[in-house]
């Protein structure tokens, strides 16, 4: 990831990261199309994965670090998350 490489080059080391950005959309299964699902997966899951992977490798090579991800209560309580299916699945 170019952003993580730039940060490491500029600051020499990443000790911690808090990944708090993302997106949200409403819609139960009957109204959630594949485009909505793909949008939420990209905004919430793929973005986090793309940033975490190079940070994790860097932190592991440097002896440790902390990565904080903000999840969603709807991902823990699926009955409530059913009304925001794409969002819940992406979290």
PDB file of N, CA and C in Angstrom:
ATOM      1  N   UNK A   1       0.843  -1.180   0.000  1.00  0.00           N
ATOM      2  CA  UNK A   1       0.000   0.000   0.000  1.00  0.00           C
ATOM      3  C   UNK A   1       0.887   1.242   0.000  1.00  0.00           C
ATOM      4  N   UNK A   2       0.653   2.128  -0.942  1.00  0.00           N
ATOM      5  CA  UNK A   2       1.481   3.322  -1.103  1.00  0.00           C
ATOM      6  C   UNK A   2       1.384   4.261   0.102  1.00  0.00           C
ATOM      7  N   UNK A   3       0.210   4.392   0.696  1.00  0.00           N
ATOM      8  CA  UNK A   3       0.041   5.280   1.851  1.00  0.00           C
ATOM      9  C   UNK A   3       0.887   4.800   3.029  1.00  0.00           C
ATOM     10  N   UNK A   4       0.842   3.522   3.323  1.00  0.00           N
ATOM     11  CA  UNK A   4       1.600   2.979   4.439  1.00  0.00           C
ATOM     12  C   UNK A   4       3.101   3.084   4.158  1.00  0.00           C
ATOM     13  N   UNK A   5       3.514   2.776   2.933  1.00  0.00           N
ATOM     14  CA  UNK A   5       4.927   2.915   2.560  1.00  0.00           C
ATOM     15  C   UNK A   5       5.398   4.349   2.734  1.00  0.00           C
ATOM     16  N   UNK A   6       4.579   5.304   2.330  1.00  0.00           N
ATOM     17  CA  UNK A   6       4.922   6.725   2.481  1.00  0.00           C
ATOM     18  C   UNK A   6       5.073   7.098   3.963  1.00  0.00           C
ATOM     19  N   UNK A   7       4.143   6.640   4.790  1.00  0.00           N
ATOM     20  CA  UNK A   7       4.208   6.945   6.229  1.00  0.00           C
ATOM     21  C   UNK A   7       5.460   6.349   6.869  1.00  0.00           C
ATOM     22  N   UNK A   8       5.801   5.131   6.493  1.00  0.00           N
ATOM     23  CA  UNK A   8       7.000   4.490   7.040  1.00  0.00           C
ATOM     24  C   UNK A   8       8.248   5.229   6.576  1.00  0.00           C
ATOM     25  N   UNK A   9       8.278   5.594   5.309  1.00  0.00           N
ATOM     26  CA  UNK A   9       9.432   6.324   4.782  1.00  0.00           C
ATOM     27  C   UNK A   9       9.590   7.682   5.476  1.00  0.00           C
ATOM     28  N   UNK A  10       8.493   8.358   5.701  1.00  0.00           N
ATOM     29  CA  UNK A  10       8.539   9.687   6.307  1.00  0.00           C
ATOM     30  C   UNK A  10       8.834   9.642   7.810  1.00  0.00           C
ATOM     31  N   UNK A  11       8.213   8.706   8.526  1.00  0.00           N
ATOM     32  CA  UNK A  11       8.310   8.668   9.988  1.00  0.00           C
ATOM     33  C   UNK A  11       9.163   7.509  10.516  1.00  0.00           C
ATOM     34  N   UNK A  12       9.585   6.623   9.645  1.00  0.00           N
ATOM     35  CA  UNK A  12      10.469   5.495   9.949  1.00  0.00           C
ATOM     36  C   UNK A  12       9.806   4.342  10.680  1.00  0.00           C
ATOM     37  N   UNK A  13       8.745   4.589  11.395  1.00  0.00           N
ATOM     38  CA  UNK A  13       8.105   3.501  12.123  1.00  0.00           C
ATOM     39  C   UNK A  13       6.650   3.853  12.422  1.00  0.00           C
ATOM     40  N   UNK A  14       5.798   2.842  12.358  1.00  0.00           N
ATOM     41  CA  UNK A  14       4.403   2.978  12.766  1.00  0.00           C
ATOM     42  C   UNK A  14       4.243   2.153  14.037  1.00  0.00           C
ATOM     43  N   UNK A  15       3.803   2.795  15.100  1.00  0.00           N
ATOM     44  CA  UNK A  15       3.604   2.111  16.379  1.00  0.00           C
ATOM     45  C   UNK A  15       2.144   1.724  16.602  1.00  0.00           C
ATOM     46  N   UNK A  16       1.230   2.538  16.056  1.00  0.00           N
ATOM     47  CA  UNK A  16      -0.181   2.262  16.274  1.00  0.00           C
ATOM     48  C   UNK A  16      -1.010   2.898  15.176  1.00  0.00           C
ATOM     49  N   UNK A  17      -2.225   2.390  15.040  1.00  0.00           N
ATOM     50  CA  UNK A  17      -3.162   2.931  14.060  1.00  0.00           C
ATOM     51  C   UNK A  17      -4.579   2.708  14.560  1.00  0.00           C
ATOM     52  N   UNK A  18      -5.439   3.687  14.360  1.00  0.00           N
ATOM     53  CA  UNK A  18      -6.863   3.568  14.673  1.00  0.00           C
ATOM     54  C   UNK A  18      -7.620   3.755  13.366  1.00  0.00           C
ATOM     55  N   UNK A  19      -8.258   2.704  12.896  1.00  0.00           N
ATOM     56  CA  UNK A  19      -8.998   2.740  11.638  1.00  0.00           C
ATOM     57  C   UNK A  19     -10.472   2.909  11.971  1.00  0.00           C
ATOM     58  N   UNK A  20     -10.962   4.126  11.778  1.00  0.00           N
ATOM     59  CA  UNK A  20     -12.310   4.450  12.242  1.00  0.00           C
ATOM     60  C   UNK A  20     -13.255   4.884  11.128  1.00  0.00           C
ATOM     61  N   UNK A  21     -12.761   5.038   9.923  1.00  0.00           N
ATOM     62  CA  UNK A  21     -13.610   5.507   8.826  1.00  0.00           C
ATOM     63  C   UNK A  21     -14.366   4.336   8.201  1.00  0.00           C
ATOM     64  N   UNK A  22     -15.421   4.640   7.488  1.00  0.00           N
ATOM     65  CA  UNK A  22     -16.202   3.619   6.805  1.00  0.00           C
ATOM     66  C   UNK A  22     -17.477   4.214   6.241  1.00  0.00           C
ATOM     67  N   UNK A  23     -18.369   3.355   5.841  1.00  0.00           N
ATOM     68  CA  UNK A  23     -19.631   3.802   5.268  1.00  0.00           C
ATOM     69  C   UNK A  23     -20.797   3.034   5.861  1.00  0.00           C
ATOM     70  N   UNK A  24     -22.001   3.494   5.575  1.00  0.00           N
ATOM     71  CA  UNK A  24     -23.214   2.875   6.106  1.00  0.00           C
ATOM     72  C   UNK A  24     -24.319   2.959   5.064  1.00  0.00           C
ATOM     73  N   UNK A  25     -25.129   1.911   4.998  1.00  0.00           N
ATOM     74  CA  UNK A  25     -26.321   1.923   4.171  1.00  0.00           C
ATOM     75  C   UNK A  25     -27.373   1.025   4.812  1.00  0.00           C
ATOM     76  N   UNK A  26     -28.615   1.414   4.664  1.00  0.00           N
ATOM     77  CA  UNK A  26     -29.739   0.633   5.180  1.00  0.00           C
ATOM     78  C   UNK A  26     -30.224  -0.322   4.099  1.00  0.00           C
ATOM     79  N   UNK A  27     -30.968  -1.318   4.507  1.00  0.00           N
ATOM     80  CA  UNK A  27     -31.616  -2.215   3.558  1.00  0.00           C
ATOM     81  C   UNK A  27     -31.544  -3.663   3.993  1.00  0.00           C
ATOM     82  N   UNK A  28     -32.701  -4.320   4.063  1.00  0.00           N
ATOM     83  CA  UNK A  28     -32.734  -5.742   4.392  1.00  0.00           C
ATOM     84  C   UNK A  28     -32.467  -6.566   3.134  1.00  0.00           C
ATOM     85  N   UNK A  29     -32.402  -7.865   3.274  1.00  0.00           N
ATOM     86  CA  UNK A  29     -32.033  -8.764   2.180  1.00  0.00           C
ATOM     87  C   UNK A  29     -32.870  -8.546   0.924  1.00  0.00           C
ATOM     88  N   UNK A  30     -34.161  -8.366   1.072  1.00  0.00           N
ATOM     89  CA  UNK A  30     -35.044  -8.256  -0.098  1.00  0.00           C
ATOM     90  C   UNK A  30     -34.796  -7.006  -0.938  1.00  0.00           C
ATOM     91  N   UNK A  31     -34.143  -5.990  -0.371  1.00  0.00           N
ATOM     92  CA  UNK A  31     -33.899  -4.751  -1.124  1.00  0.00           C
ATOM     93  C   UNK A  31     -32.414  -4.442  -1.318  1.00  0.00           C
ATOM     94  N   UNK A  32     -31.542  -5.295  -0.809  1.00  0.00           N
ATOM     95  CA  UNK A  32     -30.109  -5.062  -0.926  1.00  0.00           C
ATOM     96  C   UNK A  32     -29.591  -5.729  -2.192  1.00  0.00           C
ATOM     97  N   UNK A  33     -29.099  -4.906  -3.121  1.00  0.00           N
ATOM     98  CA  UNK A  33     -28.551  -5.468  -4.351  1.00  0.00           C
ATOM     99  C   UNK A  33     -27.041  -5.678  -4.214  1.00  0.00           C
ATOM    100  N   UNK A  34     -26.469  -6.346  -5.200  1.00  0.00           N
ATOM    101  CA  UNK A  34     -25.052  -6.677  -5.157  1.00  0.00           C
ATOM    102  C   UNK A  34     -24.180  -5.420  -5.158  1.00  0.00           C
ATOM    103  N   UNK A  35     -24.605  -4.381  -5.843  1.00  0.00           N
ATOM    104  CA  UNK A  35     -23.845  -3.135  -5.887  1.00  0.00           C
ATOM    105  C   UNK A  35     -23.725  -2.523  -4.497  1.00  0.00           C
ATOM    106  N   UNK A  36     -24.808  -2.528  -3.734  1.00  0.00           N
ATOM    107  CA  UNK A  36     -24.774  -2.010  -2.363  1.00  0.00           C
ATOM    108  C   UNK A  36     -23.862  -2.845  -1.485  1.00  0.00           C
ATOM    109  N   UNK A  37     -23.947  -4.147  -1.633  1.00  0.00           N
ATOM    110  CA  UNK A  37     -23.096  -5.044  -0.859  1.00  0.00           C
ATOM    111  C   UNK A  37     -21.623  -4.810  -1.191  1.00  0.00           C
ATOM    112  N   UNK A  38     -21.304  -4.731  -2.467  1.00  0.00           N
ATOM    113  CA  UNK A  38     -19.919  -4.509  -2.891  1.00  0.00           C
ATOM    114  C   UNK A  38     -19.397  -3.160  -2.392  1.00  0.00           C
ATOM    115  N   UNK A  39     -20.240  -2.141  -2.391  1.00  0.00           N
ATOM    116  CA  UNK A  39     -19.837  -0.823  -1.897  1.00  0.00           C
ATOM    117  C   UNK A  39     -19.472  -0.881  -0.415  1.00  0.00           C
ATOM    118  N   UNK A  40     -20.302  -1.544   0.382  1.00  0.00           N
ATOM    119  CA  UNK A  40     -20.024  -1.645   1.815  1.00  0.00           C
ATOM    120  C   UNK A  40     -18.792  -2.513   2.090  1.00  0.00           C
ATOM    121  N   UNK A  41     -18.645  -3.608   1.340  1.00  0.00           N
ATOM    122  CA  UNK A  41     -17.463  -4.447   1.516  1.00  0.00           C
ATOM    123  C   UNK A  41     -16.190  -3.675   1.178  1.00  0.00           C
ATOM    124  N   UNK A  42     -16.243  -2.857   0.140  1.00  0.00           N
ATOM    125  CA  UNK A  42     -15.077  -2.058  -0.253  1.00  0.00           C
ATOM    126  C   UNK A  42     -14.785  -0.984   0.788  1.00  0.00           C
ATOM    127  N   UNK A  43     -15.804  -0.222   1.190  1.00  0.00           N
ATOM    128  CA  UNK A  43     -15.595   0.866   2.149  1.00  0.00           C
ATOM    129  C   UNK A  43     -15.160   0.375   3.523  1.00  0.00           C
ATOM    130  N   UNK A  44     -15.749  -0.705   3.992  1.00  0.00           N
ATOM    131  CA  UNK A  44     -15.521  -1.133   5.369  1.00  0.00           C
ATOM    132  C   UNK A  44     -14.488  -2.255   5.510  1.00  0.00           C
ATOM    133  N   UNK A  45     -14.614  -3.304   4.738  1.00  0.00           N
ATOM    134  CA  UNK A  45     -13.716  -4.440   4.920  1.00  0.00           C
ATOM    135  C   UNK A  45     -12.443  -4.329   4.089  1.00  0.00           C
ATOM    136  N   UNK A  46     -12.582  -4.115   2.787  1.00  0.00           N
ATOM    137  CA  UNK A  46     -11.403  -4.106   1.916  1.00  0.00           C
ATOM    138  C   UNK A  46     -10.452  -2.958   2.239  1.00  0.00           C
ATOM    139  N   UNK A  47     -10.981  -1.806   2.598  1.00  0.00           N
ATOM    140  CA  UNK A  47     -10.130  -0.678   2.974  1.00  0.00           C
ATOM    141  C   UNK A  47      -9.321  -1.021   4.217  1.00  0.00           C
ATOM    142  N   UNK A  48      -9.982  -1.572   5.223  1.00  0.00           N
ATOM    143  CA  UNK A  48      -9.274  -1.955   6.455  1.00  0.00           C
ATOM    144  C   UNK A  48      -8.217  -3.016   6.156  1.00  0.00           C
ATOM    145  N   UNK A  49      -8.568  -4.029   5.403  1.00  0.00           N
ATOM    146  CA  UNK A  49      -7.630  -5.099   5.080  1.00  0.00           C
ATOM    147  C   UNK A  49      -6.409  -4.559   4.325  1.00  0.00           C
ATOM    148  N   UNK A  50      -6.648  -3.698   3.361  1.00  0.00           N
ATOM    149  CA  UNK A  50      -5.569  -3.134   2.547  1.00  0.00           C
ATOM    150  C   UNK A  50      -4.596  -2.326   3.398  1.00  0.00           C
ATOM    151  N   UNK A  51      -5.080  -1.642   4.410  1.00  0.00           N
ATOM    152  CA  UNK A  51      -4.208  -0.867   5.293  1.00  0.00           C
ATOM    153  C   UNK A  51      -3.550  -1.739   6.366  1.00  0.00           C
ATOM    154  N   UNK A  52      -4.296  -2.684   6.900  1.00  0.00           N
ATOM    155  CA  UNK A  52      -3.780  -3.507   7.996  1.00  0.00           C
ATOM    156  C   UNK A  52      -2.636  -4.406   7.556  1.00  0.00           C
ATOM    157  N   UNK A  53      -2.754  -4.992   6.401  1.00  0.00           N
ATOM    158  CA  UNK A  53      -1.752  -5.976   5.993  1.00  0.00           C
ATOM    159  C   UNK A  53      -0.323  -5.420   5.994  1.00  0.00           C
ATOM    160  N   UNK A  54      -0.030  -4.309   5.320  1.00  0.00           N
ATOM    161  CA  UNK A  54       1.350  -3.798   5.368  1.00  0.00           C
ATOM    162  C   UNK A  54       1.732  -3.239   6.740  1.00  0.00           C
ATOM    163  N   UNK A  55       0.769  -2.683   7.483  1.00  0.00           N
ATOM    164  CA  UNK A  55       1.077  -2.205   8.834  1.00  0.00           C
ATOM    165  C   UNK A  55       1.434  -3.365   9.751  1.00  0.00           C
ATOM    166  N   UNK A  56       0.684  -4.443   9.649  1.00  0.00           N
ATOM    167  CA  UNK A  56       0.950  -5.619  10.474  1.00  0.00           C
ATOM    168  C   UNK A  56       2.357  -6.156  10.206  1.00  0.00           C
ATOM    169  N   UNK A  57       2.717  -6.288   8.955  1.00  0.00           N
ATOM    170  CA  UNK A  57       4.054  -6.785   8.607  1.00  0.00           C
ATOM    171  C   UNK A  57       5.132  -5.863   9.157  1.00  0.00           C
ATOM    172  N   UNK A  58       4.924  -4.559   8.994  1.00  0.00           N
ATOM    173  CA  UNK A  58       5.885  -3.577   9.506  1.00  0.00           C
ATOM    174  C   UNK A  58       5.995  -3.685  11.026  1.00  0.00           C
ATOM    175  N   UNK A  59       4.882  -3.717  11.717  1.00  0.00           N
ATOM    176  CA  UNK A  59       4.887  -3.795  13.176  1.00  0.00           C
ATOM    177  C   UNK A  59       5.504  -5.105  13.655  1.00  0.00           C
ATOM    178  N   UNK A  60       5.205  -6.189  12.985  1.00  0.00           N
ATOM    179  CA  UNK A  60       5.774  -7.486  13.357  1.00  0.00           C
ATOM    180  C   UNK A  60       7.296  -7.463  13.224  1.00  0.00           C
ATOM    181  N   UNK A  61       7.790  -6.865  12.153  1.00  0.00           N
ATOM    182  CA  UNK A  61       9.239  -6.768  11.943  1.00  0.00           C
ATOM    183  C   UNK A  61       9.919  -5.831  12.941  1.00  0.00           C
ATOM    184  N   UNK A  62       9.168  -4.882  13.480  1.00  0.00           N
ATOM    185  CA  UNK A  62       9.709  -3.913  14.445  1.00  0.00           C
ATOM    186  C   UNK A  62       9.477  -4.331  15.894  1.00  0.00           C
ATOM    187  N   UNK A  63       8.840  -5.457  16.123  1.00  0.00           N
ATOM    188  CA  UNK A  63       8.665  -5.939  17.481  1.00  0.00           C
ATOM    189  C   UNK A  63       7.303  -5.717  18.099  1.00  0.00           C
ATOM    190  N   UNK A  64       6.345  -5.214  17.340  1.00  0.00           N
ATOM    191  CA  UNK A  64       4.985  -5.068  17.869  1.00  0.00           C
ATOM    192  C   UNK A  64       4.357  -3.736  17.538  1.00  0.00           C
ATOM    193  N   UNK A  65       3.140  -3.590  17.974  1.00  0.00           N
ATOM    194  CA  UNK A  65       2.369  -2.382  17.732  1.00  0.00           C
ATOM    195  C   UNK A  65       0.909  -2.640  18.033  1.00  0.00           C
ATOM    196  N   UNK A  66       0.088  -1.643  17.792  1.00  0.00           N
ATOM    197  CA  UNK A  66      -1.350  -1.741  18.067  1.00  0.00           C
ATOM    198  C   UNK A  66      -2.151  -1.248  16.880  1.00  0.00           C
ATOM    199  N   UNK A  67      -3.148  -2.028  16.510  1.00  0.00           N
ATOM    200  CA  UNK A  67      -4.091  -1.629  15.466  1.00  0.00           C
ATOM    201  C   UNK A  67      -5.479  -1.722  16.078  1.00  0.00           C
ATOM    202  N   UNK A  68      -6.217  -0.632  16.006  1.00  0.00           N
ATOM    203  CA  UNK A  68      -7.571  -0.568  16.551  1.00  0.00           C
ATOM    204  C   UNK A  68      -8.544  -0.443  15.387  1.00  0.00           C
ATOM    205  N   UNK A  69      -9.524  -1.331  15.354  1.00  0.00           N
ATOM    206  CA  UNK A  69     -10.582  -1.290  14.348  1.00  0.00           C
ATOM    207  C   UNK A  69     -11.902  -1.007  15.040  1.00  0.00           C
ATOM    208  N   UNK A  70     -12.715  -0.183  14.428  1.00  0.00           N
ATOM    209  CA  UNK A  70     -14.039   0.111  14.968  1.00  0.00           C
ATOM    210  C   UNK A  70     -15.043  -0.783  14.250  1.00  0.00           C
ATOM    211  N   UNK A  71     -15.692  -1.620  15.004  1.00  0.00           N
ATOM    212  CA  UNK A  71     -16.681  -2.538  14.454  1.00  0.00           C
ATOM    213  C   UNK A  71     -18.075  -1.960  14.536  1.00  0.00           C
ATOM    214  N   UNK A  72     -19.051  -2.819  14.629  1.00  0.00           N
ATOM    215  CA  UNK A  72     -20.437  -2.395  14.664  1.00  0.00           C
ATOM    216  C   UNK A  72     -21.247  -3.329  15.547  1.00  0.00           C
ATOM    217  N   UNK A  73     -22.105  -2.739  16.346  1.00  0.00           N
ATOM    218  CA  UNK A  73     -22.983  -3.542  17.201  1.00  0.00           C
ATOM    219  C   UNK A  73     -23.905  -4.421  16.353  1.00  0.00           C
ATOM    220  N   UNK A  74     -24.270  -3.948  15.161  1.00  0.00           N
ATOM    221  CA  UNK A  74     -25.157  -4.752  14.305  1.00  0.00           C
ATOM    222  C   UNK A  74     -24.490  -6.045  13.853  1.00  0.00           C
ATOM    223  N   UNK A  75     -23.163  -6.068  13.782  1.00  0.00           N
ATOM    224  CA  UNK A  75     -22.461  -7.298  13.413  1.00  0.00           C
ATOM    225  C   UNK A  75     -22.469  -8.304  14.556  1.00  0.00           C
ATOM    226  N   UNK A  76     -22.673  -7.832  15.772  1.00  0.00           N
ATOM    227  CA  UNK A  76     -22.740  -8.724  16.933  1.00  0.00           C
ATOM    228  C   UNK A  76     -24.157  -9.186  17.219  1.00  0.00           C
ATOM    229  N   UNK A  77     -25.145  -8.378  16.876  1.00  0.00           N
ATOM    230  CA  UNK A  77     -26.551  -8.677  17.130  1.00  0.00           C
ATOM    231  C   UNK A  77     -27.264  -8.739  15.789  1.00  0.00           C
ATOM    232  N   UNK A  78     -27.248  -9.912  15.183  1.00  0.00           N
ATOM    233  CA  UNK A  78     -27.692 -10.050  13.805  1.00  0.00           C
ATOM    234  C   UNK A  78     -29.154  -9.706  13.571  1.00  0.00           C
ATOM    235  N   UNK A  79     -30.011  -9.825  14.570  1.00  0.00           N
ATOM    236  CA  UNK A  79     -31.412  -9.462  14.347  1.00  0.00           C
ATOM    237  C   UNK A  79     -31.538  -7.972  14.076  1.00  0.00           C
ATOM    238  N   UNK A  80     -30.768  -7.160  14.745  1.00  0.00           N
ATOM    239  CA  UNK A  80     -30.765  -5.722  14.480  1.00  0.00           C
ATOM    240  C   UNK A  80     -30.050  -5.386  13.194  1.00  0.00           C
ATOM    241  N   UNK A  81     -29.025  -6.162  12.867  1.00  0.00           N
ATOM    242  CA  UNK A  81     -28.250  -5.913  11.665  1.00  0.00           C
ATOM    243  C   UNK A  81     -28.951  -6.297  10.384  1.00  0.00           C
ATOM    244  N   UNK A  82     -30.032  -7.056  10.472  1.00  0.00           N
ATOM    245  CA  UNK A  82     -30.760  -7.486   9.278  1.00  0.00           C
ATOM    246  C   UNK A  82     -31.341  -6.311   8.494  1.00  0.00           C
ATOM    247  N   UNK A  83     -31.538  -5.175   9.146  1.00  0.00           N
ATOM    248  CA  UNK A  83     -32.119  -4.011   8.472  1.00  0.00           C
ATOM    249  C   UNK A  83     -31.048  -3.158   7.776  1.00  0.00           C
ATOM    250  N   UNK A  84     -29.798  -3.570   7.942  1.00  0.00           N
ATOM    251  CA  UNK A  84     -28.680  -2.923   7.241  1.00  0.00           C
ATOM    252  C   UNK A  84     -27.740  -4.041   6.800  1.00  0.00           C
ATOM    253  N   UNK A  85     -28.242  -4.922   5.960  1.00  0.00           N
ATOM    254  CA  UNK A  85     -27.554  -6.163   5.615  1.00  0.00           C
ATOM    255  C   UNK A  85     -26.154  -5.952   5.070  1.00  0.00           C
ATOM    256  N   UNK A  86     -26.003  -5.113   4.060  1.00  0.00           N
ATOM    257  CA  UNK A  86     -24.690  -4.913   3.436  1.00  0.00           C
ATOM    258  C   UNK A  86     -23.685  -4.357   4.441  1.00  0.00           C
ATOM    259  N   UNK A  87     -24.124  -3.406   5.227  1.00  0.00           N
ATOM    260  CA  UNK A  87     -23.265  -2.804   6.255  1.00  0.00           C
ATOM    261  C   UNK A  87     -22.854  -3.862   7.292  1.00  0.00           C
ATOM    262  N   UNK A  88     -23.829  -4.630   7.768  1.00  0.00           N
ATOM    263  CA  UNK A  88     -23.577  -5.646   8.785  1.00  0.00           C
ATOM    264  C   UNK A  88     -22.595  -6.692   8.285  1.00  0.00           C
ATOM    265  N   UNK A  89     -22.774  -7.161   7.071  1.00  0.00           N
ATOM    266  CA  UNK A  89     -21.864  -8.152   6.502  1.00  0.00           C
ATOM    267  C   UNK A  89     -20.456  -7.604   6.347  1.00  0.00           C
ATOM    268  N   UNK A  90     -20.332  -6.323   6.048  1.00  0.00           N
ATOM    269  CA  UNK A  90     -19.014  -5.741   5.829  1.00  0.00           C
ATOM    270  C   UNK A  90     -18.263  -5.495   7.127  1.00  0.00           C
ATOM    271  N   UNK A  91     -18.969  -5.484   8.245  1.00  0.00           N
ATOM    272  CA  UNK A  91     -18.339  -5.257   9.545  1.00  0.00           C
ATOM    273  C   UNK A  91     -17.969  -6.566  10.189  1.00  0.00           C
TER     274      UNK A  91
END
